[in-house]
Amino acid sequence: MARSLAQPVRMVWALCLAIGTCTHVATLIYGWNDRVPLASVIFWNSLTVLDPLAAVLLFLRPRLGVVLTLAIMVSDVGHNIWAIAAFDAMVWPVAAQALFLIFVLATAPLIWRDAPVQKA
């Protein structure tokens, strides 16, 4: 049974990463608030590439996709919690990201176990 759930879970992860990608693309188009530090702009802009890369890797190299998604979500949620305090960032998107992070943490072992071991 666990094996059959891995594919739909990867699809949910990929969908959420695609939503994140759209958010970052929109921010690139509409620009940043002048108060946002350059390091934050660089970090958030990097997610424009990293989010879709992780989504693709979830299907091509699932274990690598799991590692990249975990790294993205832990760093993004941590950074965005800081951003709320530092320059009054919106709270609800970070709350949604935190819920997704919890889902990722809870379901990562399912995808990991289901993934074939890749040879270097």
Protein backbone atom coordinates (compact mmCIF):
# COMPACT_ATOMS: atom_id res chain seq x y z
CA MET A 1 0.00 0.00 0.00
CA ALA A 2 2.75 2.51 0.87
CA ARG A 3 4.25 2.01 -2.57
CA SER A 4 1.06 3.11 -4.28
CA LEU A 5 0.94 6.36 -2.28
CA ALA A 6 4.42 7.57 -3.24
CA GLN A 7 3.43 8.67 -6.76
CA PRO A 8 0.45 10.84 -5.69
CA VAL A 9 2.52 12.34 -2.87
CA ARG A 10 5.26 13.28 -5.36
CA MET A 11 2.57 14.90 -7.52
CA VAL A 12 1.37 17.00 -4.57
CA TRP A 13 4.96 18.03 -3.82
CA ALA A 14 5.54 18.94 -7.47
CA LEU A 15 2.30 20.94 -7.62
CA CYS A 16 3.24 22.91 -4.51
CA LEU A 17 6.73 23.54 -5.89
CA ALA A 18 5.14 24.75 -9.14
CA ILE A 19 2.98 27.18 -7.16
CA GLY A 20 6.13 28.43 -5.43
CA THR A 21 7.79 28.86 -8.82
CA CYS A 22 4.87 30.98 -10.03
CA THR A 23 5.12 33.14 -6.93
CA HIS A 24 8.84 33.72 -7.49
CA VAL A 25 8.33 34.48 -11.18
CA ALA A 26 5.62 37.01 -10.29
CA THR A 27 8.00 38.65 -7.83
CA LEU A 28 10.66 38.87 -10.53
CA ILE A 29 8.14 40.58 -12.81
CA TYR A 30 6.69 42.99 -10.26
CA GLY A 31 9.88 43.68 -8.30
CA TRP A 32 10.90 43.81 -4.68
CA ASN A 33 10.18 46.18 -1.84
CA ASP A 34 13.15 48.54 -1.36
CA ARG A 35 13.53 47.40 2.25
CA VAL A 36 14.34 43.80 1.27
CA PRO A 37 18.05 43.07 1.69
CA LEU A 38 20.00 41.97 -1.38
CA ALA A 39 20.81 38.58 0.19
CA SER A 40 17.10 37.88 0.58
CA VAL A 41 16.40 38.91 -3.01
CA ILE A 42 19.16 36.58 -4.24
CA PHE A 43 17.86 33.71 -2.08
CA TRP A 44 14.23 34.13 -3.16
CA ASN A 45 15.20 34.60 -6.83
CA SER A 46 17.25 31.40 -6.70
CA LEU A 47 14.05 29.54 -5.83
CA THR A 48 12.73 30.48 -9.28
CA VAL A 49 15.16 27.86 -10.59
CA LEU A 50 15.44 25.51 -7.62
CA ASP A 51 11.70 24.91 -7.11
CA PRO A 52 11.06 23.56 -10.65
CA LEU A 53 14.35 21.66 -10.56
CA ALA A 54 13.24 19.87 -7.38
CA ALA A 55 9.84 19.13 -8.94
CA VAL A 56 11.45 17.52 -11.97
CA LEU A 57 13.95 15.58 -9.87
CA LEU A 58 11.11 14.09 -7.84
CA PHE A 59 10.27 12.05 -10.94
CA LEU A 60 13.69 11.59 -12.57
CA ARG A 61 15.84 11.11 -9.45
CA PRO A 62 13.34 10.88 -6.55
CA ARG A 63 15.86 10.68 -3.71
CA LEU A 64 17.73 13.72 -4.98
CA GLY A 65 14.36 15.47 -5.39
CA VAL A 66 13.50 14.67 -1.77
CA VAL A 67 16.81 16.07 -0.51
CA LEU A 68 16.50 19.24 -2.60
CA THR A 69 12.85 19.77 -1.60
CA LEU A 70 13.70 19.36 2.08
CA ALA A 71 16.59 21.81 1.77
CA ILE A 72 14.41 24.33 -0.06
CA MET A 73 11.52 24.12 2.36
CA VAL A 74 13.54 24.20 5.58
CA SER A 75 15.61 27.16 4.39
CA ASP A 76 12.64 29.01 2.86
CA VAL A 77 10.38 28.66 5.89
CA GLY A 78 13.23 29.60 8.24
CA HIS A 79 14.14 32.62 6.13
CA ASN A 80 10.52 33.71 5.76
CA ILE A 81 9.90 33.52 9.51
CA TRP A 82 12.85 35.87 9.89
CA ALA A 83 11.39 38.09 7.12
CA ILE A 84 8.11 38.45 9.01
CA ALA A 85 9.99 39.90 11.97
CA ALA A 86 12.53 41.89 9.96
CA PHE A 87 10.30 43.72 7.51
CA ASP A 88 6.68 42.86 8.11
CA ALA A 89 6.35 40.15 5.48
CA MET A 90 2.91 38.62 5.06
CA VAL A 91 2.17 35.89 7.60
CA TRP A 92 -0.38 33.72 5.76
CA PRO A 93 1.94 32.61 2.93
CA VAL A 94 4.55 31.55 5.47
CA ALA A 95 1.90 29.65 7.42
CA ALA A 96 0.96 27.81 4.21
CA GLN A 97 4.64 27.08 3.54
CA ALA A 98 5.06 25.77 7.09
CA LEU A 99 2.11 23.41 6.59
CA PHE A 100 3.66 22.18 3.35
CA LEU A 101 7.00 21.72 5.16
CA ILE A 102 5.25 19.56 7.77
CA PHE A 103 3.67 17.51 4.96
CA VAL A 104 7.07 17.15 3.26
CA LEU A 105 8.72 16.02 6.49
CA ALA A 106 5.93 13.52 7.16
CA THR A 107 5.90 12.02 3.66
CA ALA A 108 9.59 12.17 2.69
CA PRO A 109 10.26 8.64 4.00
CA LEU A 110 7.46 7.31 1.79
CA ILE A 111 9.01 8.73 -1.37
CA TRP A 112 12.51 7.76 -0.24
CA ARG A 113 11.57 4.10 0.32
CA ASP A 114 9.71 3.89 -2.98
CA ALA A 115 12.54 5.38 -5.06
CA PRO A 116 14.92 3.11 -6.91
CA VAL A 117 18.51 3.43 -5.78
CA GLN A 118 20.43 5.30 -8.50
CA LYS A 119 23.96 4.32 -9.36
CA ALA A 120 26.46 7.14 -9.81
